[in-house]
PDB file of N, CA and C in Angstrom:
ATOM      1  N   MET A   1      45.706 -12.633 -37.761  1.00  0.00           N
ATOM      2  CA  MET A   1      45.526 -13.980 -37.837  1.00  0.00           C
ATOM      3  C   MET A   1      45.063 -14.456 -36.283  1.00  0.00           C
ATOM      4  N   HIS A   2      46.288 -13.850 -35.302  1.00  0.00           N
ATOM      5  CA  HIS A   2      45.742 -14.585 -34.117  1.00  0.00           C
ATOM      6  C   HIS A   2      44.609 -13.969 -33.311  1.00  0.00           C
ATOM      7  N   ILE A   3      44.340 -12.337 -33.450  1.00  0.00           N
ATOM      8  CA  ILE A   3      43.456 -11.845 -33.494  1.00  0.00           C
ATOM      9  C   ILE A   3      41.576 -12.781 -33.062  1.00  0.00           C
ATOM     10  N   ARG A   4      41.633 -13.106 -34.941  1.00  0.00           N
ATOM     11  CA  ARG A   4      40.860 -14.063 -34.685  1.00  0.00           C
ATOM     12  C   ARG A   4      40.899 -15.692 -34.448  1.00  0.00           C
ATOM     13  N   LYS A   5      41.535 -16.344 -33.799  1.00  0.00           N
ATOM     14  CA  LYS A   5      42.077 -17.514 -32.849  1.00  0.00           C
ATOM     15  C   LYS A   5      41.234 -17.171 -31.251  1.00  0.00           C
ATOM     16  N   ALA A   6      42.155 -16.046 -31.199  1.00  0.00           N
ATOM     17  CA  ALA A   6      41.589 -15.318 -29.660  1.00  0.00           C
ATOM     18  C   ALA A   6      39.668 -15.193 -29.151  1.00  0.00           C
ATOM     19  N   GLY A   7      39.586 -14.515 -30.274  1.00  0.00           N
ATOM     20  CA  GLY A   7      38.526 -14.364 -30.343  1.00  0.00           C
ATOM     21  C   GLY A   7      37.193 -15.609 -30.443  1.00  0.00           C
ATOM     22  N   THR A   8      37.860 -16.979 -31.409  1.00  0.00           N
ATOM     23  CA  THR A   8      37.132 -17.879 -31.370  1.00  0.00           C
ATOM     24  C   THR A   8      36.878 -18.741 -30.053  1.00  0.00           C
ATOM     25  N   PHE A   9      38.516 -18.516 -29.266  1.00  0.00           N
ATOM     26  CA  PHE A   9      38.361 -19.016 -28.329  1.00  0.00           C
ATOM     27  C   PHE A   9      37.422 -18.690 -27.443  1.00  0.00           C
ATOM     28  N   PHE A  10      37.288 -17.473 -27.055  1.00  0.00           N
ATOM     29  CA  PHE A  10      36.839 -17.173 -26.286  1.00  0.00           C
ATOM     30  C   PHE A  10      35.306 -16.944 -26.166  1.00  0.00           C
ATOM     31  N   LEU A  11      34.953 -16.633 -27.198  1.00  0.00           N
ATOM     32  CA  LEU A  11      33.419 -17.066 -27.833  1.00  0.00           C
ATOM     33  C   LEU A  11      33.168 -18.867 -27.310  1.00  0.00           C
ATOM     34  N   THR A  12      34.086 -19.582 -28.097  1.00  0.00           N
ATOM     35  CA  THR A  12      33.571 -21.119 -27.649  1.00  0.00           C
ATOM     36  C   THR A  12      33.570 -20.876 -26.147  1.00  0.00           C
ATOM     37  N   ALA A  13      34.627 -20.813 -25.467  1.00  0.00           N
ATOM     38  CA  ALA A  13      34.491 -20.600 -23.905  1.00  0.00           C
ATOM     39  C   ALA A  13      33.493 -20.010 -23.736  1.00  0.00           C
ATOM     40  N   VAL A  14      32.735 -19.015 -24.040  1.00  0.00           N
ATOM     41  CA  VAL A  14      31.865 -18.559 -23.357  1.00  0.00           C
ATOM     42  C   VAL A  14      30.617 -18.862 -23.078  1.00  0.00           C
ATOM     43  N   LEU A  15      30.428 -19.625 -24.251  1.00  0.00           N
ATOM     44  CA  LEU A  15      29.083 -20.741 -24.886  1.00  0.00           C
ATOM     45  C   LEU A  15      29.756 -21.802 -24.101  1.00  0.00           C
ATOM     46  N   VAL A  16      30.400 -22.188 -23.624  1.00  0.00           N
ATOM     47  CA  VAL A  16      30.317 -23.925 -23.264  1.00  0.00           C
ATOM     48  C   VAL A  16      30.262 -23.484 -21.700  1.00  0.00           C
ATOM     49  N   PHE A  17      30.789 -22.936 -21.464  1.00  0.00           N
ATOM     50  CA  PHE A  17      30.277 -22.673 -19.829  1.00  0.00           C
ATOM     51  C   PHE A  17      28.836 -22.150 -19.996  1.00  0.00           C
ATOM     52  N   GLY A  18      28.272 -21.216 -20.330  1.00  0.00           N
ATOM     53  CA  GLY A  18      26.507 -20.414 -20.173  1.00  0.00           C
ATOM     54  C   GLY A  18      26.016 -21.431 -20.466  1.00  0.00           C
ATOM     55  N   MET A  19      26.162 -22.777 -21.679  1.00  0.00           N
ATOM     56  CA  MET A  19      25.584 -23.515 -21.578  1.00  0.00           C
ATOM     57  C   MET A  19      25.446 -24.632 -20.829  1.00  0.00           C
ATOM     58  N   SER A  20      26.653 -25.197 -19.588  1.00  0.00           N
ATOM     59  CA  SER A  20      26.880 -25.801 -18.449  1.00  0.00           C
ATOM     60  C   SER A  20      25.859 -25.422 -17.721  1.00  0.00           C
ATOM     61  N   SER A  21      25.897 -24.248 -17.426  1.00  0.00           N
ATOM     62  CA  SER A  21      25.371 -23.766 -16.249  1.00  0.00           C
ATOM     63  C   SER A  21      23.814 -23.972 -16.393  1.00  0.00           C
ATOM     64  N   ALA A  22      23.483 -23.404 -17.838  1.00  0.00           N
ATOM     65  CA  ALA A  22      21.820 -23.723 -18.366  1.00  0.00           C
ATOM     66  C   ALA A  22      21.376 -24.847 -17.923  1.00  0.00           C
ATOM     67  N   PHE A  23      22.750 -25.889 -18.020  1.00  0.00           N
ATOM     68  CA  PHE A  23      21.867 -27.453 -17.813  1.00  0.00           C
ATOM     69  C   PHE A  23      22.017 -27.948 -16.468  1.00  0.00           C
ATOM     70  N   ALA A  24      22.402 -27.133 -15.590  1.00  0.00           N
ATOM     71  CA  ALA A  24      22.605 -27.811 -14.214  1.00  0.00           C
ATOM     72  C   ALA A  24      21.617 -27.775 -13.588  1.00  0.00           C
ATOM     73  N   PRO A  25      21.384 -28.788 -12.750  1.00  0.00           N
ATOM     74  CA  PRO A  25      20.293 -29.444 -11.905  1.00  0.00           C
ATOM     75  C   PRO A  25      19.832 -27.906 -11.069  1.00  0.00           C
ATOM     76  N   ALA A  26      19.244 -27.841 -10.860  1.00  0.00           N
ATOM     77  CA  ALA A  26      18.429 -26.886  -9.178  1.00  0.00           C
ATOM     78  C   ALA A  26      19.019 -27.318  -8.089  1.00  0.00           C
ATOM     79  N   GLN A  27      19.274 -26.184  -7.832  1.00  0.00           N
ATOM     80  CA  GLN A  27      19.599 -26.439  -6.259  1.00  0.00           C
ATOM     81  C   GLN A  27      18.457 -26.811  -5.051  1.00  0.00           C
ATOM     82  N   ASP A  28      17.891 -26.235  -5.557  1.00  0.00           N
ATOM     83  CA  ASP A  28      16.525 -26.050  -4.557  1.00  0.00           C
ATOM     84  C   ASP A  28      15.620 -26.972  -4.481  1.00  0.00           C
ATOM     85  N   GLY A  29      15.399 -27.465  -3.315  1.00  0.00           N
ATOM     86  CA  GLY A  29      14.765 -28.969  -2.754  1.00  0.00           C
ATOM     87  C   GLY A  29      13.803 -27.791  -2.668  1.00  0.00           C
ATOM     88  N   ALA A  30      12.778 -29.464  -2.098  1.00  0.00           N
ATOM     89  CA  ALA A  30      11.749 -29.023  -1.180  1.00  0.00           C
ATOM     90  C   ALA A  30      11.184 -28.471   0.145  1.00  0.00           C
ATOM     91  N   LYS A  31      12.420 -28.317   0.949  1.00  0.00           N
ATOM     92  CA  LYS A  31      12.690 -27.938   1.555  1.00  0.00           C
ATOM     93  C   LYS A  31      12.736 -26.609   2.147  1.00  0.00           C
ATOM     94  N   GLN A  32      13.588 -25.719   0.548  1.00  0.00           N
ATOM     95  CA  GLN A  32      13.440 -24.339  -0.104  1.00  0.00           C
ATOM     96  C   GLN A  32      12.100 -24.465  -0.498  1.00  0.00           C
ATOM     97  N   ASP A  33      11.672 -24.710  -0.782  1.00  0.00           N
ATOM     98  CA  ASP A  33      10.217 -24.291  -1.536  1.00  0.00           C
ATOM     99  C   ASP A  33       9.127 -23.852  -0.846  1.00  0.00           C
ATOM    100  N   MET A  34       9.710 -24.779   0.963  1.00  0.00           N
ATOM    101  CA  MET A  34       8.474 -24.589   1.715  1.00  0.00           C
ATOM    102  C   MET A  34       9.174 -22.755   1.954  1.00  0.00           C
ATOM    103  N   LYS A  35      10.220 -22.779   2.660  1.00  0.00           N
ATOM    104  CA  LYS A  35      10.333 -21.659   3.135  1.00  0.00           C
ATOM    105  C   LYS A  35      10.227 -20.590   2.335  1.00  0.00           C
ATOM    106  N   ASN A  36      10.319 -20.809   0.953  1.00  0.00           N
ATOM    107  CA  ASN A  36      10.262 -19.733   0.058  1.00  0.00           C
ATOM    108  C   ASN A  36       8.584 -19.457   0.330  1.00  0.00           C
ATOM    109  N   ALA A  37       7.670 -20.127   0.164  1.00  0.00           N
ATOM    110  CA  ALA A  37       5.610 -20.688   0.124  1.00  0.00           C
ATOM    111  C   ALA A  37       5.671 -19.733   1.770  1.00  0.00           C
ATOM    112  N   GLY A  38       6.564 -20.108   2.721  1.00  0.00           N
ATOM    113  CA  GLY A  38       6.395 -19.062   3.951  1.00  0.00           C
ATOM    114  C   GLY A  38       6.790 -17.766   4.383  1.00  0.00           C
ATOM    115  N   THR A  39       8.164 -17.548   3.518  1.00  0.00           N
ATOM    116  CA  THR A  39       8.167 -16.069   3.334  1.00  0.00           C
ATOM    117  C   THR A  39       7.273 -15.850   2.673  1.00  0.00           C
ATOM    118  N   GLU A  40       6.080 -16.147   1.441  1.00  0.00           N
ATOM    119  CA  GLU A  40       5.828 -14.917   0.408  1.00  0.00           C
ATOM    120  C   GLU A  40       4.308 -14.671   1.629  1.00  0.00           C
ATOM    121  N   THR A  41       3.895 -15.762   2.152  1.00  0.00           N
ATOM    122  CA  THR A  41       2.947 -16.181   2.580  1.00  0.00           C
ATOM    123  C   THR A  41       2.890 -14.585   3.687  1.00  0.00           C
ATOM    124  N   LYS A  42       4.482 -14.785   4.538  1.00  0.00           N
ATOM    125  CA  LYS A  42       4.372 -14.251   5.559  1.00  0.00           C
ATOM    126  C   LYS A  42       4.428 -12.525   5.333  1.00  0.00           C
ATOM    127  N   ASN A  43       5.327 -12.107   3.941  1.00  0.00           N
ATOM    128  CA  ASN A  43       5.048 -10.920   3.437  1.00  0.00           C
ATOM    129  C   ASN A  43       3.355 -10.230   2.894  1.00  0.00           C
ATOM    130  N   ALA A  44       3.004 -11.441   2.454  1.00  0.00           N
ATOM    131  CA  ALA A  44       1.438 -10.961   2.365  1.00  0.00           C
ATOM    132  C   ALA A  44       0.941 -10.914   2.877  1.00  0.00           C
ATOM    133  N   ALA A  45       0.623 -11.642   4.265  1.00  0.00           N
ATOM    134  CA  ALA A  45       0.309 -10.988   5.237  1.00  0.00           C
ATOM    135  C   ALA A  45       0.629  -9.316   6.272  1.00  0.00           C
ATOM    136  N   LYS A  46       2.136  -9.361   5.789  1.00  0.00           N
ATOM    137  CA  LYS A  46       2.369  -8.136   6.381  1.00  0.00           C
ATOM    138  C   LYS A  46       1.747  -6.954   5.136  1.00  0.00           C
ATOM    139  N   ASP A  47       1.673  -7.469   4.190  1.00  0.00           N
ATOM    140  CA  ASP A  47       1.005  -6.377   3.573  1.00  0.00           C
ATOM    141  C   ASP A  47      -0.506  -6.075   3.384  1.00  0.00           C
ATOM    142  N   THR A  48      -0.790  -7.153   3.575  1.00  0.00           N
ATOM    143  CA  THR A  48      -2.459  -6.841   4.107  1.00  0.00           C
ATOM    144  C   THR A  48      -3.006  -6.137   5.603  1.00  0.00           C
ATOM    145  N   GLY A  49      -1.690  -6.558   6.456  1.00  0.00           N
ATOM    146  CA  GLY A  49      -2.150  -5.680   7.292  1.00  0.00           C
ATOM    147  C   GLY A  49      -2.198  -4.095   7.510  1.00  0.00           C
ATOM    148  N   HIS A  50      -0.663  -3.638   6.550  1.00  0.00           N
ATOM    149  CA  HIS A  50      -0.936  -2.795   6.567  1.00  0.00           C
ATOM    150  C   HIS A  50      -1.800  -1.519   5.951  1.00  0.00           C
ATOM    151  N   GLY A  51      -1.875  -2.501   5.244  1.00  0.00           N
ATOM    152  CA  GLY A  51      -3.594  -1.837   4.008  1.00  0.00           C
ATOM    153  C   GLY A  51      -4.525  -1.456   4.968  1.00  0.00           C
ATOM    154  N   ILE A  52      -4.896  -2.893   5.784  1.00  0.00           N
ATOM    155  CA  ILE A  52      -6.227  -2.440   6.578  1.00  0.00           C
ATOM    156  C   ILE A  52      -5.712  -1.437   7.214  1.00  0.00           C
ATOM    157  N   SER A  53      -4.501  -1.172   8.073  1.00  0.00           N
ATOM    158  CA  SER A  53      -4.151  -0.044   8.932  1.00  0.00           C
ATOM    159  C   SER A  53      -4.422   1.189   8.318  1.00  0.00           C
ATOM    160  N   LYS A  54      -4.004   1.518   7.207  1.00  0.00           N
ATOM    161  CA  LYS A  54      -4.007   2.850   6.215  1.00  0.00           C
ATOM    162  C   LYS A  54      -5.258   2.748   5.889  1.00  0.00           C
ATOM    163  N   GLY A  55      -5.974   2.204   5.656  1.00  0.00           N
ATOM    164  CA  GLY A  55      -7.744   2.176   5.850  1.00  0.00           C
ATOM    165  C   GLY A  55      -8.587   2.591   6.878  1.00  0.00           C
ATOM    166  N   THR A  56      -8.008   2.032   7.784  1.00  0.00           N
ATOM    167  CA  THR A  56      -8.572   2.186   8.808  1.00  0.00           C
ATOM    168  C   THR A  56      -8.529   3.527   9.029  1.00  0.00           C
ATOM    169  N   LYS A  57      -7.202   3.805   9.433  1.00  0.00           N
ATOM    170  CA  LYS A  57      -6.428   5.607   9.914  1.00  0.00           C
ATOM    171  C   LYS A  57      -7.756   6.399   9.039  1.00  0.00           C
ATOM    172  N   LYS A  58      -7.469   6.553   7.867  1.00  0.00           N
ATOM    173  CA  LYS A  58      -8.230   7.285   6.433  1.00  0.00           C
ATOM    174  C   LYS A  58      -9.509   7.513   6.851  1.00  0.00           C
ATOM    175  N   ALA A  59     -10.229   6.245   7.468  1.00  0.00           N
ATOM    176  CA  ALA A  59     -11.776   5.871   7.415  1.00  0.00           C
ATOM    177  C   ALA A  59     -11.862   7.112   9.080  1.00  0.00           C
ATOM    178  N   TYR A  60     -11.320   6.984   9.777  1.00  0.00           N
ATOM    179  CA  TYR A  60     -11.095   7.415  11.081  1.00  0.00           C
ATOM    180  C   TYR A  60     -11.076   9.021  11.075  1.00  0.00           C
ATOM    181  N   HIS A  61      -9.866   9.756  10.577  1.00  0.00           N
ATOM    182  CA  HIS A  61      -9.766  11.028  10.015  1.00  0.00           C
ATOM    183  C   HIS A  61     -11.008  11.436   9.286  1.00  0.00           C
ATOM    184  N   LYS A  62     -11.224  11.039   8.525  1.00  0.00           N
ATOM    185  CA  LYS A  62     -12.011  11.172   7.567  1.00  0.00           C
ATOM    186  C   LYS A  62     -13.617  11.496   8.532  1.00  0.00           C
ATOM    187  N   THR A  63     -14.082  10.600   9.359  1.00  0.00           N
ATOM    188  CA  THR A  63     -14.839  10.824  10.349  1.00  0.00           C
ATOM    189  C   THR A  63     -15.288  11.869  11.258  1.00  0.00           C
ATOM    190  N   LYS A  64     -14.132  11.881  11.863  1.00  0.00           N
ATOM    191  CA  LYS A  64     -13.277  13.181  12.831  1.00  0.00           C
ATOM    192  C   LYS A  64     -13.679  14.758  11.708  1.00  0.00           C
ATOM    193  N   ARG A  65     -12.925  14.808  10.680  1.00  0.00           N
ATOM    194  CA  ARG A  65     -12.891  15.739  10.184  1.00  0.00           C
ATOM    195  C   ARG A  65     -15.250  16.184   9.132  1.00  0.00           C
ATOM    196  N   GLY A  66     -15.446  15.251   9.827  1.00  0.00           N
ATOM    197  CA  GLY A  66     -17.352  15.293   9.516  1.00  0.00           C
ATOM    198  C   GLY A  66     -17.386  15.847   9.893  1.00  0.00           C
ATOM    199  N   THR A  67     -17.046  14.896  11.591  1.00  0.00           N
ATOM    200  CA  THR A  67     -17.698  15.335  12.779  1.00  0.00           C
ATOM    201  C   THR A  67     -17.627  16.776  13.053  1.00  0.00           C
ATOM    202  N   LYS A  68     -16.564  16.894  12.843  1.00  0.00           N
ATOM    203  CA  LYS A  68     -16.303  18.481  13.234  1.00  0.00           C
ATOM    204  C   LYS A  68     -16.590  19.388  12.147  1.00  0.00           C
ATOM    205  N   LYS A  69     -16.897  19.111  11.257  1.00  0.00           N
ATOM    206  CA  LYS A  69     -18.080  20.128  10.027  1.00  0.00           C
ATOM    207  C   LYS A  69     -19.057  20.423  10.369  1.00  0.00           C
ATOM    208  N   ALA A  70     -20.337  19.189  11.052  1.00  0.00           N
ATOM    209  CA  ALA A  70     -21.037  19.091  11.441  1.00  0.00           C
ATOM    210  C   ALA A  70     -21.114  19.954  12.567  1.00  0.00           C
ATOM    211  N   TYR A  71     -20.477  19.599  13.186  1.00  0.00           N
ATOM    212  CA  TYR A  71     -20.338  20.777  14.872  1.00  0.00           C
ATOM    213  C   TYR A  71     -20.490  21.890  14.512  1.00  0.00           C
ATOM    214  N   HIS A  72     -19.227  22.578  14.120  1.00  0.00           N
ATOM    215  CA  HIS A  72     -19.092  23.903  13.241  1.00  0.00           C
ATOM    216  C   HIS A  72     -20.475  24.215  12.305  1.00  0.00           C
ATOM    217  N   LYS A  73     -21.038  23.575  11.529  1.00  0.00           N
ATOM    218  CA  LYS A  73     -21.860  24.004  11.102  1.00  0.00           C
ATOM    219  C   LYS A  73     -23.250  24.359  11.763  1.00  0.00           C
ATOM    220  N   THR A  74     -23.391  23.868  12.590  1.00  0.00           N
ATOM    221  CA  THR A  74     -24.530  23.363  13.723  1.00  0.00           C
ATOM    222  C   THR A  74     -24.559  24.560  14.479  1.00  0.00           C
ATOM    223  N   ALA A  75     -23.659  25.403  14.558  1.00  0.00           N
ATOM    224  CA  ALA A  75     -23.094  26.212  15.662  1.00  0.00           C
ATOM    225  C   ALA A  75     -23.283  27.366  14.741  1.00  0.00           C
ATOM    226  N   ARG A  76     -23.071  27.202  14.103  1.00  0.00           N
ATOM    227  CA  ARG A  76     -23.470  28.970  12.792  1.00  0.00           C
ATOM    228  C   ARG A  76     -24.735  28.719  12.837  1.00  0.00           C
ATOM    229  N   GLY A  77     -25.298  27.764  12.816  1.00  0.00           N
ATOM    230  CA  GLY A  77     -26.928  27.896  11.894  1.00  0.00           C
ATOM    231  C   GLY A  77     -27.573  28.314  13.543  1.00  0.00           C
ATOM    232  N   THR A  78     -27.380  28.118  14.611  1.00  0.00           N
ATOM    233  CA  THR A  78     -27.871  28.078  15.873  1.00  0.00           C
ATOM    234  C   THR A  78     -27.694  29.325  16.062  1.00  0.00           C
ATOM    235  N   LYS A  79     -26.270  30.182  15.810  1.00  0.00           N
ATOM    236  CA  LYS A  79     -25.757  31.530  16.045  1.00  0.00           C
ATOM    237  C   LYS A  79     -26.786  32.462  15.264  1.00  0.00           C
ATOM    238  N   HIS A  80     -27.270  32.037  13.796  1.00  0.00           N
ATOM    239  CA  HIS A  80     -27.839  32.565  12.752  1.00  0.00           C
ATOM    240  C   HIS A  80     -29.573  32.518  13.457  1.00  0.00           C
ATOM    241  N   ALA A  81     -30.023  31.846  13.980  1.00  0.00           N
ATOM    242  CA  ALA A  81     -31.364  31.405  13.989  1.00  0.00           C
ATOM    243  C   ALA A  81     -31.987  32.461  15.762  1.00  0.00           C
ATOM    244  N   VAL A  82     -29.989  32.451  16.367  1.00  0.00           N
ATOM    245  CA  VAL A  82     -30.537  33.217  17.337  1.00  0.00           C
ATOM    246  C   VAL A  82     -30.350  34.851  17.613  1.00  0.00           C
ATOM    247  N   ASN A  83     -29.899  35.140  16.401  1.00  0.00           N
ATOM    248  CA  ASN A  83     -29.654  36.820  15.459  1.00  0.00           C
ATOM    249  C   ASN A  83     -31.042  37.007  14.630  1.00  0.00           C
ATOM    250  N   LYS A  84     -31.397  36.305  14.218  1.00  0.00           N
ATOM    251  CA  LYS A  84     -32.817  36.375  12.946  1.00  0.00           C
ATOM    252  C   LYS A  84     -33.931  36.989  14.312  1.00  0.00           C
ATOM    253  N   VAL A  85     -33.863  35.671  15.632  1.00  0.00           N
ATOM    254  CA  VAL A  85     -34.874  35.803  16.532  1.00  0.00           C
ATOM    255  C   VAL A  85     -35.235  37.013  17.407  1.00  0.00           C
ATOM    256  N   GLU A  86     -33.514  37.371  17.738  1.00  0.00           N
ATOM    257  CA  GLU A  86     -33.167  38.789  18.730  1.00  0.00           C
ATOM    258  C   GLU A  86     -34.200  39.834  17.860  1.00  0.00           C
ATOM    259  N   GLY A  87     -34.892  40.155  19.440  1.00  0.00           N
ATOM    260  CA  GLY A  87     -35.492  42.190  19.060  1.00  0.00           C
ATOM    261  C   GLY A  87     -36.633  41.437  18.883  1.00  0.00           C
ATOM    262  N   LYS A  88     -37.073  40.172  18.393  1.00  0.00           N
ATOM    263  CA  LYS A  88     -38.335  40.057  18.195  1.00  0.00           C
ATOM    264  C   LYS A  88     -39.240  39.459  19.662  1.00  0.00           C
ATOM    265  N   PRO A  89     -40.419  40.020  19.644  1.00  0.00           N
ATOM    266  CA  PRO A  89     -41.563  39.319  20.738  1.00  0.00           C
ATOM    267  C   PRO A  89     -41.278  37.981  20.609  1.00  0.00           C
ATOM    268  N   ALA A  90     -41.663  37.455  22.043  1.00  0.00           N
ATOM    269  CA  ALA A  90     -41.852  35.783  22.105  1.00  0.00           C
ATOM    270  C   ALA A  90     -43.246  36.203  21.750  1.00  0.00           C
ATOM    271  N   ASP A  91     -43.588  34.931  21.207  1.00  0.00           N
ATOM    272  CA  ASP A  91     -45.290  34.632  21.142  1.00  0.00           C
ATOM    273  C   ASP A  91     -45.742  33.816  22.023  1.00  0.00           C
ATOM    274  N   ALA A  92     -45.814  33.974  23.470  1.00  0.00           N
ATOM    275  CA  ALA A  92     -46.352  33.066  23.943  1.00  0.00           C
ATOM    276  C   ALA A  92     -47.125  32.076  24.775  1.00  0.00           C
ATOM    277  N   PRO A  93     -47.764  30.690  24.328  1.00  0.00           N
ATOM    278  CA  PRO A  93     -49.514  30.224  24.565  1.00  0.00           C
ATOM    279  C   PRO A  93     -50.050  30.858  25.706  1.00  0.00           C
ATOM    280  N   GLN A  94     -50.841  31.795  25.559  1.00  0.00           N
ATOM    281  CA  GLN A  94     -51.814  31.819  26.756  1.00  0.00           C
ATOM    282  C   GLN A  94     -52.523  30.570  27.338  1.00  0.00           C
TER     283      GLN A  94
END
């Protein structure tokens, strides 16, 4: 019988303290709301800056790679053309 009373007492205590904290007024005021808004704005600006930085770096590297690829293809094409023409007489206009 004592266990049942102890369990009931414990359950009642949990409900009373739990409910009292649920109805407690919030301690945050307008000042804290403004601080939170400022912090969120700062974090959003940081995230945007990091995203732009990442995109810029990616675009730079893609452009660099494309330029090198075009350079190498042009060089190979020139060598191929030189090898094709080599040994043939030049048709010089007179």
